[in-house]
Amino acid sequence: MGKEGPDMPNFDSLNDRIIEDGNEQPVVSMKTSLDPKDPLENNPYYDPNKEYTPEELDKLRKFFGGK
């Protein structure tokens, strides 16, 4: 059943990440009217002290639900 080959890593030898089992219960995420208009505002994944390229900012905004 497993796919092995040059493109698939050996997951038994990975030591730089944690692989967890999936949730047994459903998870719900929602956007509310209380969320900031700009998804970078109060976002712990956005560092305002770092310089981002326009492409990186666009990716962040799209990922976090911005325009």
Foldseek 3Di string as FASTA:
>chain_A
DDDDDPVDDDVVPDDPDDDDDDDPDDDDDDDDPPQDQQLLPPDPVDDPVDDDDPVVSVVSQVVSPHD
